[in-house]
């Protein structure tokens, strides 16, 4: 008997999945919207496992009640996880940002927009993993830098031809006064915030220890808020 029930459930799940694929998320299936029908198919394996547990313990009322309570708790746990999945994801992202330097947390604001949160490092600075021309570079967020500034090593890594640069700019760096070459970056992105044709510079060899995310990118943001231990950016 139990084998027949399992067989019928499997056949039913297979037919339901086939109908969803053929329907392609449009119209109604057996009088239900595609999403609602999909939820029914999703719940069928749970019902199968619940039925199997009750069937195997049918000889004892106490054992049957125990099995039902176990499955009830499991179903409630799954439902709670599904309902609060966005909150759990936000907590996980914040934890990851605290453990992994430069990891940007992307959250949705009350207005429906997106906001990037960077957590301050132990050295008191904000760093971010920035995609420059498709390559990820660890950059220091620096509102005192007039433009995005690349170290010679990072510039070479993203494919800039160093032999064709003209070091016509005078800049002040942590290593003193130096020269830099103006360049235009095809794309600079941090999380969902993307900017094209960003003015930047490449410092002379040994003049810049770490690339800087400067104002040629930061001034294009909708807002930039620096708090005690986090930096918030909005597109």
Foldseek 3Di string as FASTA:
>chain_A
DLVVVVVVLVVVLVVLVVVLVVCVQDDADPPHRSVVSVVVSVCSVLVSVLVVQLVVVVVDPVSNVVSVVVSVVVVVVVVVCVVCVVVVVQVVQVVVLVVDAQRWRWDADPVRFIKTKHFADPVRWHWHFKQFLNDTFIATEDAPDAFWEAEPVVCVVNPHDPVPFDFPDWDQAPQGIFTKGKDWTQWMDGPPDIDGRFIYIYTDHPRYPGIYHYDSRQVVWPDWDDDDTMIMTHD
